[in-house]
C-alpha cells in the first residue's frame, strides 16, 4: 500500500498541476501490474472525490503545504481512509512511509500528525464536509451552478454519475459477429453481459486483452452513448465520409463496420492519428488517415464534397467525468466559452465541404447547453440551408456517459 500511495501521490500532483490523467499515468508504465492497478485505484478514487481531501486538509493544516506531492499524498490517504476504514492505522503507517520518499522525508511527522488528527476528529469533520457544497457534491462550484441552472430537477443524477466509475460497454463488430453470438462467447468465458443499443453489450469491468477475440477484431471497448454517433449518421455503401476530429478512432471504426464507405479520418495530433490506424488495423478496416487541422481545408481537402461529415468536436468533456475524473481539476468556467467559440468555428469551416443533401452530425461529450443545443440553434441562424433532422441529449447514467448529438441536412 505504501508504494501505491507514493505512486498515486505523484500522479495526483501532476493532474492538480494541470497535466492530463492520461499523461500522468504513463509514469506507472514500468511498474508491476498489481502495483499499477493499486495505484490507479487510489488515483481515480481520489480525483473522483473532488474537494473532499482539500476540505479536510484545509481544516487540519495550519497553513497550505508548499510541497505538491506531499499534499497529494494526504488527499490520497484521505481517500484510502474513506474506502478502507477497517484498515485505518495501516493506511496511516503506509502514508508516513510514503512521505519518507518525498522531499527528503521532511514531512513525515506532519503527515503522521494530520492523519491521526483526522482519525480523532473524523465524525465532526465528515459531518462538516457533508455541509460543504463542493466537497459534498464532489464537483467544482461553477460546474454545479451551471448544472443546476440547466437541469433544475436532474442535476443530482448527473453529479452522482460523475462521481462513480463508468459502465463498461463493448461494440460488437457486425462484420465478424452478432451481439447474441458474442454474448454467448462471453458467457463461455465466464463473463456475464446484457445488450445495450444496437451493437452493444454491458458487462462488469474486465481488461480488453481478456475479451474473447479482442485481438482479432471481434469487439471494441466503446461507451454505449458514443455508439450512437454511427447509428445516427447511418452511413450508406459508397458514400464519401469525413470524420473531422477522429482520434482515437472508435467512431471511425464503427462507421466502417456499418457500411462500405470511402472514409477520411482527420486529427490535428499526429500521435493520436496513429492510434486511429492501430485501431483500424486490429479490426481489419481501411480508411485514409491524415494528421491535419480540419479547419485548414486547403492543406488536406481535394475539393470533392462529402456525403456525410462527423464533427465530434473538442468540448469540456463534462459528460465523461466518471471516466476522466481529472476533468474536474483541469476545466475552468472560462473554458466553456472558449470551447463554444472553437465549436462554432469548426461548424462554419466544415459546412462548405458538405454536398447539397448531405448530412453533418455534430457531437460532444458535454452536458452544458452552451456547447450543445445553444450551439446548434446559433448555427441554424447563421446557415439558412441547414435543417435539424434529429437531436439527442444523453445524460450520464448507469448505461452510458453523457453525449449530445444533432444531425443536420444541407438543403442547398
Protein backbone atom coordinates (compact mmCIF):
# COMPACT_ATOMS: atom_id res chain seq x y z
CA UNK A 1 0.00 0.00 0.00
CA UNK A 2 2.87 2.38 0.72
CA UNK A 3 4.21 2.19 -2.84
CA UNK A 4 0.74 2.58 -4.34
CA UNK A 5 0.14 5.69 -2.21
CA UNK A 6 3.51 7.13 -3.25
CA UNK A 7 2.89 6.50 -6.96
CA UNK A 8 -0.65 7.82 -6.66
CA UNK A 9 0.55 11.00 -4.96
CA UNK A 10 2.90 11.77 -7.82
CA UNK A 11 0.20 11.31 -10.46
CA UNK A 12 -2.40 13.26 -8.47
CA UNK A 13 0.05 16.13 -8.02
CA UNK A 14 0.69 16.15 -11.76
CA UNK A 15 -3.04 16.38 -12.50
CA UNK A 16 -3.58 19.12 -9.93
CA UNK A 17 -0.70 20.93 -11.61
CA UNK A 18 -2.51 20.89 -14.97
CA UNK A 19 -1.40 17.61 -16.58
CA UNK A 20 -3.95 15.24 -18.08
CA UNK A 21 -4.52 11.99 -16.22
CA UNK A 22 -3.69 10.03 -19.38
CA UNK A 23 -0.25 11.58 -19.45
CA UNK A 24 0.24 11.35 -15.68
CA UNK A 25 -0.48 7.63 -15.75
CA UNK A 26 2.38 6.99 -18.16
CA UNK A 27 4.69 7.27 -15.13
CA UNK A 28 3.25 3.95 -13.95
CA UNK A 29 4.03 2.05 -17.14
CA UNK A 30 7.18 0.43 -15.74
CA UNK A 31 5.53 -0.85 -12.56
CA UNK A 32 4.30 -4.39 -11.94
CA UNK A 33 0.68 -4.94 -12.94
CA UNK A 34 -0.55 -5.39 -9.37
CA UNK A 35 1.24 -2.24 -8.19
CA UNK A 36 -0.05 -0.25 -11.16
CA UNK A 37 -3.62 -1.39 -10.52
CA UNK A 38 -3.45 -0.49 -6.84
CA UNK A 39 -2.06 2.97 -7.61
CA UNK A 40 -4.70 3.60 -10.27
CA UNK A 41 -7.45 2.66 -7.84
CA UNK A 42 -6.21 5.33 -5.44
CA UNK A 43 -5.70 7.91 -8.19
CA UNK A 44 -9.16 7.54 -9.70
CA UNK A 45 -10.83 7.37 -6.30
CA UNK A 46 -9.06 10.48 -5.05
CA UNK A 47 -9.79 12.52 -8.18
CA UNK A 48 -13.45 11.46 -8.24
CA UNK A 49 -13.80 12.79 -4.68
CA UNK A 50 -13.06 16.32 -5.87
CA UNK A 51 -12.97 18.78 -3.00
CA UNK A 52 -13.19 16.20 -0.20
CA UNK A 53 -9.50 15.83 0.53
CA UNK A 54 -8.93 19.54 0.03
CA UNK A 55 -11.69 20.32 2.54
CA UNK A 56 -10.10 18.09 5.16
CA UNK A 57 -6.57 19.33 4.51
CA UNK A 58 -7.67 22.95 4.87
CA UNK A 59 -9.05 22.21 8.33
CA UNK A 60 -6.18 20.07 9.55
CA UNK A 61 -3.21 22.08 8.30
CA UNK A 62 -2.16 25.30 9.97
CA UNK A 63 -1.08 26.63 6.58
CA UNK A 64 -1.13 25.32 2.98
CA UNK A 65 1.61 22.83 2.17
CA UNK A 66 4.40 24.08 -0.03
CA UNK A 67 5.12 20.61 -1.46
CA UNK A 68 2.59 19.49 -4.08
CA UNK A 69 3.33 15.76 -3.90
CA UNK A 70 3.04 15.64 -0.12
CA UNK A 71 -0.26 17.49 -0.31
CA UNK A 72 -1.42 14.98 -2.94
CA UNK A 73 -0.31 12.16 -0.64
CA UNK A 74 -2.60 13.50 2.06
CA UNK A 75 -5.51 13.60 -0.40
CA UNK A 76 -4.78 10.01 -1.42
CA UNK A 77 -4.58 8.91 2.22
CA UNK A 78 -7.91 10.61 3.00
CA UNK A 79 -9.48 8.68 0.14
CA UNK A 80 -7.99 5.41 1.32
CA UNK A 81 -9.21 6.06 4.87
CA UNK A 82 -12.67 6.66 3.39
CA UNK A 83 -12.64 3.48 1.28
CA UNK A 84 -10.81 1.27 3.85
CA UNK A 85 -11.97 2.41 7.29
CA UNK A 86 -11.20 -1.07 8.65
CA UNK A 87 -7.51 -0.56 7.85
CA UNK A 88 -7.12 2.98 9.19
CA UNK A 89 -3.91 2.52 11.13
CA UNK A 90 -2.26 0.57 8.35
CA UNK A 91 -3.18 3.38 5.91
CA UNK A 92 -1.60 5.96 8.22
CA UNK A 93 1.55 3.86 8.63
CA UNK A 94 1.92 3.35 4.87
CA UNK A 95 1.26 7.04 4.14
CA UNK A 96 4.00 8.02 6.58
CA UNK A 97 6.39 5.59 4.87
CA UNK A 98 5.48 7.10 1.50
CA UNK A 99 6.10 10.59 2.91
CA UNK A 100 9.61 9.43 3.74
CA UNK A 101 10.25 9.14 -0.01
CA UNK A 102 9.14 12.71 -0.73
CA UNK A 103 11.05 15.95 -0.11
CA UNK A 104 13.77 14.09 1.76
CA UNK A 105 11.25 12.86 4.32
CA UNK A 106 10.85 16.27 6.00
CA UNK A 107 7.06 15.97 6.02
CA UNK A 108 6.82 12.51 7.64
CA UNK A 109 5.89 13.92 11.03
CA UNK A 110 3.37 16.31 9.53
CA UNK A 111 1.65 13.55 7.53
CA UNK A 112 1.51 11.33 10.61
CA UNK A 113 0.08 14.13 12.74
CA UNK A 114 -2.53 15.25 10.20
CA UNK A 115 -3.85 11.77 9.53
CA UNK A 116 -4.00 10.77 13.20
CA UNK A 117 -5.69 14.07 13.98
CA UNK A 118 -8.24 13.30 11.27
CA UNK A 119 -9.00 9.91 12.83
CA UNK A 120 -9.58 11.56 16.22
CA UNK A 121 -11.93 14.20 14.73
CA UNK A 122 -13.36 12.07 11.96
CA UNK A 123 -17.04 12.23 12.89
CA UNK A 124 -17.09 16.01 13.24
CA UNK A 125 -15.01 16.60 10.11
CA UNK A 126 -17.11 14.28 7.98
CA UNK A 127 -20.28 15.99 9.20
CA UNK A 128 -18.83 19.39 8.27
CA UNK A 129 -17.75 18.04 4.88
CA UNK A 130 -21.32 16.97 4.15
CA UNK A 131 -22.39 20.62 4.51
CA UNK A 132 -19.79 21.96 2.07
CA UNK A 133 -21.30 22.14 -1.41
CA UNK A 134 -18.18 21.39 -3.47
CA UNK A 135 -16.97 18.61 -1.20
CA UNK A 136 -20.39 17.04 -0.72
CA UNK A 137 -21.16 17.04 -4.46
CA UNK A 138 -17.52 16.37 -5.45
CA UNK A 139 -17.66 18.92 -8.31
CA UNK A 140 -16.33 22.49 -8.69
CA UNK A 141 -18.75 25.21 -7.58
CA UNK A 142 -19.00 26.86 -11.01
CA UNK A 143 -19.82 23.45 -12.53
CA UNK A 144 -22.62 22.86 -10.02
CA UNK A 145 -24.06 26.31 -10.74
CA UNK A 146 -24.29 25.52 -14.47
CA UNK A 147 -25.82 22.11 -13.87
CA UNK A 148 -28.47 23.46 -11.51
CA UNK A 149 -29.40 26.17 -13.99
CA UNK A 150 -29.62 23.77 -16.95
CA UNK A 151 -31.18 20.80 -15.10
CA UNK A 152 -33.16 22.06 -12.08
CA UNK A 153 -34.54 18.60 -11.36
CA UNK A 154 -31.96 16.34 -12.98
CA UNK A 155 -28.65 17.76 -11.75
CA UNK A 156 -28.27 15.40 -8.73
CA UNK A 157 -28.34 12.36 -11.01
CA UNK A 158 -25.76 13.92 -13.34
CA UNK A 159 -23.49 14.68 -10.38
CA UNK A 160 -23.93 11.18 -8.97
CA UNK A 161 -22.97 9.62 -12.31
CA UNK A 162 -19.85 11.79 -12.45
CA UNK A 163 -18.78 10.58 -9.01
CA UNK A 164 -18.80 6.85 -9.70
CA UNK A 165 -16.91 4.52 -12.04
CA UNK A 166 -18.42 4.46 -15.53
CA UNK A 167 -20.14 1.48 -17.15
CA UNK A 168 -18.09 -0.79 -19.39
CA UNK A 169 -19.61 -1.31 -22.82
CA UNK A 170 -18.48 -3.25 -25.86
CA UNK A 171 -19.28 -2.64 -29.51
CA UNK A 172 -19.59 -5.90 -31.40
CA UNK A 173 -18.04 -5.76 -34.87
CA UNK A 174 -21.05 -6.63 -37.02
CA UNK A 175 -18.71 -7.76 -39.80
CA UNK A 176 -17.38 -10.50 -37.53
CA UNK A 177 -20.25 -11.48 -35.23
CA UNK A 178 -23.69 -10.65 -33.87
CA UNK A 179 -24.46 -9.30 -30.42
CA UNK A 180 -26.16 -12.57 -29.45
CA UNK A 181 -23.29 -14.73 -30.69
CA UNK A 182 -20.66 -12.63 -28.95
CA UNK A 183 -22.67 -12.69 -25.71
CA UNK A 184 -22.52 -16.48 -25.97
CA UNK A 185 -18.73 -16.30 -26.34
CA UNK A 186 -18.53 -14.09 -23.27
CA UNK A 187 -20.69 -16.50 -21.31
CA UNK A 188 -18.42 -19.38 -22.28
CA UNK A 189 -15.51 -17.35 -20.93
CA UNK A 190 -17.34 -16.83 -17.63
CA UNK A 191 -18.33 -13.21 -18.37
CA UNK A 192 -21.94 -12.10 -17.92
CA UNK A 193 -23.30 -9.35 -20.19
CA UNK A 194 -26.52 -7.75 -21.34
CA UNK A 195 -27.36 -5.97 -24.59
CA UNK A 196 -27.46 -2.20 -24.89
CA UNK A 197 -28.34 -0.28 -28.04
CA UNK A 198 -27.97 -1.83 -31.49
CA UNK A 199 -24.45 -3.24 -31.35
CA UNK A 200 -23.50 -3.06 -27.68
CA UNK A 201 -23.09 -5.17 -24.59
CA UNK A 202 -22.70 -4.05 -20.98
CA UNK A 203 -20.55 -6.10 -18.63
CA UNK A 204 -18.52 -5.77 -15.43
CA UNK A 205 -15.05 -4.21 -15.87
CA UNK A 206 -12.53 -6.55 -17.50
CA UNK A 207 -9.21 -6.00 -19.26
CA UNK A 208 -9.64 -5.68 -23.03
CA UNK A 209 -6.98 -8.32 -23.59
CA UNK A 210 -9.14 -10.82 -21.69
CA UNK A 211 -12.11 -10.37 -24.04
CA UNK A 212 -12.61 -13.29 -26.45
CA UNK A 213 -11.45 -12.37 -29.94
CA UNK A 214 -10.41 -8.83 -28.99
CA UNK A 215 -7.05 -9.09 -30.72
CA UNK A 216 -8.78 -10.45 -33.83
CA UNK A 217 -11.16 -7.51 -34.08
CA UNK A 218 -14.37 -9.16 -32.93
CA UNK A 219 -15.17 -6.41 -30.48
CA UNK A 220 -14.12 -2.94 -29.30
CA UNK A 221 -14.47 -1.18 -25.97
CA UNK A 222 -16.74 1.81 -26.61
CA UNK A 223 -19.28 3.55 -24.42
CA UNK A 224 -22.88 2.86 -25.42
CA UNK A 225 -23.55 6.59 -25.76
CA UNK A 226 -20.60 7.00 -28.11
CA UNK A 227 -22.01 4.22 -30.28
CA UNK A 228 -24.98 6.43 -31.13
CA UNK A 229 -22.81 8.52 -33.49
CA UNK A 230 -22.57 5.91 -36.25
CA UNK A 231 -26.18 4.91 -35.74
CA UNK A 232 -27.43 8.48 -36.18
CA UNK A 233 -25.20 9.30 -39.14
CA UNK A 234 -26.32 5.99 -40.72
CA UNK A 235 -23.63 5.64 -43.44
CA UNK A 236 -24.63 4.14 -46.78
CA UNK A 237 -22.45 1.98 -49.01
CA UNK A 238 -20.38 4.04 -51.44
CA UNK A 239 -20.68 7.31 -49.53
CA UNK A 240 -17.73 9.64 -49.09
CA UNK A 241 -17.46 10.48 -45.39
CA UNK A 242 -15.26 12.80 -43.35
CA UNK A 243 -14.55 12.10 -39.67
CA UNK A 244 -13.17 15.52 -38.85
CA UNK A 245 -11.85 15.05 -35.28
CA UNK A 246 -11.37 11.30 -35.35
CA UNK A 247 -8.88 10.15 -32.71
CA UNK A 248 -8.72 7.67 -31.11
CA UNK A 249 -10.87 6.17 -33.85
CA UNK A 250 -13.75 4.40 -32.13
CA UNK A 251 -16.44 6.24 -34.09
CA UNK A 252 -14.36 5.97 -37.28
CA UNK A 253 -14.25 2.20 -36.94
CA UNK A 254 -17.96 1.98 -36.17
CA UNK A 255 -18.80 3.85 -39.38
CA UNK A 256 -16.62 1.46 -41.37
CA UNK A 257 -18.17 -1.57 -39.70
CA UNK A 258 -21.64 -0.29 -40.60
CA UNK A 259 -21.10 0.21 -44.36
CA UNK A 260 -18.53 0.08 -47.16
CA UNK A 261 -17.68 3.77 -47.36
CA UNK A 262 -14.81 5.94 -48.55
CA UNK A 263 -13.76 7.49 -45.25
CA UNK A 264 -11.20 10.19 -44.49
CA UNK A 265 -10.24 10.40 -40.80
CA UNK A 266 -8.50 13.57 -39.62
CA UNK A 267 -6.97 14.53 -36.33
CA UNK A 268 -4.79 17.51 -35.53
CA UNK A 269 -2.47 15.39 -33.35
CA UNK A 270 -0.09 13.09 -35.25
CA UNK A 271 0.39 10.75 -32.27
CA UNK A 272 -3.35 10.36 -31.80
CA UNK A 273 -3.74 9.81 -35.55
CA UNK A 274 -1.51 6.76 -35.26
CA UNK A 275 -3.93 5.37 -32.67
CA UNK A 276 -6.66 5.55 -35.32
CA UNK A 277 -4.50 3.46 -37.64
CA UNK A 278 -3.77 0.95 -34.87
CA UNK A 279 -7.46 0.52 -34.11
CA UNK A 280 -8.38 0.06 -37.77
CA UNK A 281 -5.59 -2.47 -38.26
CA UNK A 282 -6.84 -4.60 -35.35
CA UNK A 283 -10.37 -4.54 -36.74
CA UNK A 284 -9.33 -5.26 -40.32
CA UNK A 285 -10.76 -1.97 -41.60
CA UNK A 286 -9.40 0.55 -44.09
CA UNK A 287 -9.62 4.35 -44.21
CA UNK A 288 -7.45 7.27 -45.24
CA UNK A 289 -5.95 8.74 -42.07
CA UNK A 290 -4.28 12.14 -42.02
CA UNK A 291 -2.81 14.31 -39.29
CA UNK A 292 -4.31 17.69 -40.14
CA UNK A 293 -6.35 20.57 -38.77
CA UNK A 294 -9.83 20.14 -40.22
CA UNK A 295 -10.22 23.94 -40.23
CA UNK A 296 -7.39 24.28 -42.79
CA UNK A 297 -9.13 22.57 -45.71
CA UNK A 298 -6.68 23.99 -48.24
CA UNK A 299 -4.00 21.76 -46.68
CA UNK A 300 -5.81 18.42 -46.99
CA UNK A 301 -9.06 18.64 -48.99
CA UNK A 302 -9.13 17.55 -52.65
CA UNK A 303 -12.17 19.68 -53.44
CA UNK A 304 -14.67 16.82 -53.68
CA UNK A 305 -17.62 17.40 -51.32
CA UNK A 306 -18.61 14.81 -48.75
CA UNK A 307 -21.90 12.95 -48.48
CA UNK A 308 -21.63 12.98 -44.69
CA UNK A 309 -19.43 14.58 -42.03
CA UNK A 310 -18.96 13.56 -38.41
CA UNK A 311 -17.93 16.58 -36.32
CA UNK A 312 -17.09 15.08 -32.91
CA UNK A 313 -15.79 18.42 -31.68
CA UNK A 314 -13.45 19.29 -28.80
CA UNK A 315 -15.51 20.12 -25.71
CA UNK A 316 -15.47 20.40 -21.93
CA UNK A 317 -15.89 16.59 -21.60
CA UNK A 318 -18.32 17.32 -18.76
CA UNK A 319 -20.35 14.23 -19.67
CA UNK A 320 -17.50 11.77 -19.13
CA UNK A 321 -16.02 12.81 -15.77
CA UNK A 322 -16.78 9.41 -14.27
CA UNK A 323 -14.36 8.02 -16.86
CA UNK A 324 -11.97 11.00 -16.78
CA UNK A 325 -12.11 12.47 -13.26
CA UNK A 326 -9.15 14.74 -13.95
CA UNK A 327 -11.54 16.93 -15.94
CA UNK A 328 -12.94 18.26 -12.65
CA UNK A 329 -9.49 19.65 -11.88
CA UNK A 330 -8.46 20.74 -15.36
CA UNK A 331 -11.54 22.66 -16.51
CA UNK A 332 -12.30 26.27 -15.61
CA UNK A 333 -15.55 28.21 -16.04
CA UNK A 334 -13.88 30.33 -18.73
CA UNK A 335 -13.19 27.18 -20.78
CA UNK A 336 -16.84 26.80 -21.75
CA UNK A 337 -16.88 29.98 -23.80
CA UNK A 338 -13.51 29.06 -25.33
CA UNK A 339 -14.83 25.67 -26.39
CA UNK A 340 -18.06 27.20 -27.71
CA UNK A 341 -16.10 29.58 -29.93
CA UNK A 342 -13.97 26.73 -31.29
CA UNK A 343 -17.04 24.58 -31.93
CA UNK A 344 -18.70 27.43 -33.79
CA UNK A 345 -15.60 27.87 -35.95
CA UNK A 346 -15.41 24.16 -36.72
CA UNK A 347 -19.05 24.05 -37.81
CA UNK A 348 -18.59 27.06 -40.11
CA UNK A 349 -15.41 25.63 -41.66
CA UNK A 350 -16.80 22.11 -42.22
CA UNK A 351 -20.22 23.07 -43.61
CA UNK A 352 -18.92 24.20 -47.05
CA UNK A 353 -17.29 20.76 -47.52
CA UNK A 354 -20.69 19.03 -47.44
CA UNK A 355 -22.57 18.42 -50.68
CA UNK A 356 -26.20 19.61 -51.05
CA UNK A 357 -28.42 16.98 -49.48
CA UNK A 358 -25.54 15.78 -47.31
CA UNK A 359 -25.61 15.14 -43.57
CA UNK A 360 -23.47 16.56 -40.77
CA UNK A 361 -23.57 15.02 -37.30
CA UNK A 362 -22.44 17.39 -34.56
CA UNK A 363 -21.34 15.54 -31.42
CA UNK A 364 -19.97 16.41 -27.99
CA UNK A 365 -19.42 14.55 -24.73
CA UNK A 366 -20.63 17.60 -22.80
CA UNK A 367 -23.74 18.21 -20.69
CA UNK A 368 -23.51 22.00 -20.87
CA UNK A 369 -26.15 23.59 -23.17
CA UNK A 370 -23.73 26.26 -24.40
CA UNK A 371 -21.80 23.52 -26.21
CA UNK A 372 -24.87 21.62 -27.35
CA UNK A 373 -28.35 22.84 -28.20
CA UNK A 374 -27.45 26.52 -27.94
CA UNK A 375 -24.53 25.95 -30.30
CA UNK A 376 -26.76 24.33 -32.92
CA UNK A 377 -29.51 26.95 -32.52
CA UNK A 378 -26.97 29.66 -33.32
CA UNK A 379 -25.59 27.71 -36.28
CA UNK A 380 -29.06 27.29 -37.80
CA UNK A 381 -29.49 31.07 -37.69
CA UNK A 382 -26.16 31.55 -39.50
CA UNK A 383 -26.89 28.83 -42.07
CA UNK A 384 -30.41 29.06 -43.57
CA UNK A 385 -29.68 25.99 -45.71
CA UNK A 386 -29.23 23.80 -42.62
CA UNK A 387 -32.08 21.68 -41.26
CA UNK A 388 -32.05 19.80 -37.96
CA UNK A 389 -33.13 16.22 -38.66
CA UNK A 390 -32.58 14.76 -35.20
CA UNK A 391 -31.29 15.73 -31.78
CA UNK A 392 -30.33 13.56 -28.80
CA UNK A 393 -29.27 14.57 -25.31
CA UNK A 394 -27.86 11.61 -23.40
CA UNK A 395 -27.26 12.40 -19.75
CA UNK A 396 -24.75 10.17 -17.92
CA UNK A 397 -26.30 7.17 -16.20
CA UNK A 398 -25.67 3.51 -15.38
CA UNK A 399 -25.69 2.55 -19.08
CA UNK A 400 -23.68 5.30 -20.75
CA UNK A 401 -21.74 8.55 -20.42
CA UNK A 402 -23.17 11.95 -21.33
CA UNK A 403 -23.36 12.94 -25.01
CA UNK A 404 -25.14 15.37 -27.30
CA UNK A 405 -25.92 14.80 -30.98
CA UNK A 406 -27.51 16.99 -33.63
CA UNK A 407 -27.97 15.62 -37.17
CA UNK A 408 -28.18 18.35 -39.79
CA UNK A 409 -29.02 18.22 -43.51
CA UNK A 410 -27.77 20.68 -46.13
CA UNK A 411 -30.73 21.63 -48.30
CA UNK A 412 -28.83 23.62 -50.92
